[in-house]
Amino acid sequence: MKIFYITAQIPWGKGKTFIIDEILAVKEAGAKLLIIPRNPTKEVFHQGAQVLLENAVWLPLVNPKMIGIFFISLVIKPHLWKVLIVR
């Protein structure tokens, strides 16, 4: 089974510590995990979350690659402009 978590900061950062125990239990049960925090910090605050780093992706909220893909998508798929134009 594959489980995908979108978190605020876990496994990095100080917030939402209750979710660490849940994620660790799911991992111990044998599930494949992918954790993507929406705004990760630079350091792991909770030592229990250290083992989750191998399952996590650290990406800043906005990065150059993401912006580039967005603009390429606007060129390749012009219908996306309808979403951006506010009337």
Protein backbone atom coordinates (compact mmCIF):
# COMPACT_ATOMS: atom_id res chain seq x y z
CA MET A 1 0.00 0.00 0.00
CA LYS A 2 1.20 3.53 -0.79
CA ILE A 3 0.30 6.44 1.49
CA PHE A 4 0.85 10.06 0.51
CA TYR A 5 0.98 12.75 3.23
CA ILE A 6 0.86 16.47 2.62
CA THR A 7 1.86 18.17 5.84
CA ALA A 8 2.52 21.71 7.01
CA GLN A 9 6.17 21.04 7.94
CA ILE A 10 6.63 17.46 9.20
CA PRO A 11 9.18 15.86 9.21
CA TRP A 12 10.87 19.28 9.33
CA GLY A 13 9.67 22.03 11.64
CA LYS A 14 7.88 22.19 14.98
CA GLY A 15 4.20 22.02 14.11
CA LYS A 16 1.64 19.17 14.20
CA THR A 17 3.74 16.76 16.24
CA PHE A 18 0.80 14.38 16.75
CA ILE A 19 1.05 13.25 13.13
CA ILE A 20 4.58 11.90 13.62
CA ASP A 21 3.31 8.95 15.68
CA GLU A 22 0.65 8.17 13.08
CA ILE A 23 3.11 8.28 10.17
CA LEU A 24 5.60 6.11 12.08
CA ALA A 25 2.87 3.53 12.80
CA VAL A 26 1.84 3.45 9.15
CA LYS A 27 5.48 3.01 8.14
CA GLU A 28 5.97 0.19 10.65
CA ALA A 29 2.88 -1.52 9.21
CA GLY A 30 4.77 -1.78 5.93
CA ALA A 31 3.18 0.96 3.85
CA LYS A 32 5.28 2.85 1.33
CA LEU A 33 5.25 6.52 2.29
CA LEU A 34 5.73 9.80 0.49
CA ILE A 35 5.66 12.92 2.68
CA ILE A 36 5.58 16.38 1.14
CA PRO A 37 5.51 19.31 3.54
CA ARG A 38 3.99 22.50 2.16
CA ASN A 39 6.54 24.82 3.81
CA PRO A 40 9.42 22.85 5.31
CA THR A 41 12.04 24.47 7.48
CA LYS A 42 15.75 23.73 7.20
CA GLU A 43 16.12 21.49 10.24
CA VAL A 44 14.44 18.52 11.86
CA PHE A 45 13.06 19.65 15.22
CA HIS A 46 11.62 16.36 16.52
CA GLN A 47 14.13 13.53 16.72
CA GLY A 48 11.35 10.97 16.20
CA ALA A 49 10.81 12.43 12.75
CA GLN A 50 14.43 11.80 11.75
CA VAL A 51 13.60 8.32 10.40
CA LEU A 52 10.93 9.84 8.14
CA LEU A 53 13.44 11.85 6.11
CA GLU A 54 13.99 8.93 3.74
CA ASN A 55 10.30 9.15 2.83
CA ALA A 56 10.09 12.93 2.56
CA VAL A 57 10.67 15.43 -0.23
CA TRP A 58 12.00 18.86 0.71
CA LEU A 59 10.74 21.50 -1.68
CA PRO A 60 10.22 25.18 -0.93
CA LEU A 61 6.70 26.49 -1.41
CA VAL A 62 7.78 28.34 -4.55
CA ASN A 63 10.93 27.46 -6.47
CA PRO A 64 12.35 28.32 -9.90
CA LYS A 65 11.58 24.89 -11.38
CA MET A 66 7.94 25.15 -10.31
CA ILE A 67 7.63 28.64 -11.82
CA GLY A 68 9.22 27.46 -15.07
CA ILE A 69 6.84 24.51 -15.37
CA PHE A 70 3.91 26.85 -14.72
CA PHE A 71 4.88 29.20 -17.57
CA ILE A 72 5.60 26.32 -19.95
CA SER A 73 2.15 24.93 -19.12
CA LEU A 74 0.58 28.29 -19.98
CA VAL A 75 2.20 28.15 -23.42
CA ILE A 76 1.46 24.47 -24.11
CA LYS A 77 -2.09 24.56 -22.72
CA PRO A 78 -3.60 27.97 -23.51
CA HIS A 79 -6.95 27.02 -21.95
CA LEU A 80 -5.26 27.51 -18.54
CA TRP A 81 -5.44 31.26 -19.12
CA LYS A 82 -9.20 31.06 -18.53
CA VAL A 83 -8.50 30.12 -14.91
CA LEU A 84 -6.15 33.06 -14.42
CA ILE A 85 -8.28 35.78 -16.00
CA VAL A 86 -10.57 37.32 -13.40
CA ARG A 87 -13.70 38.99 -14.68
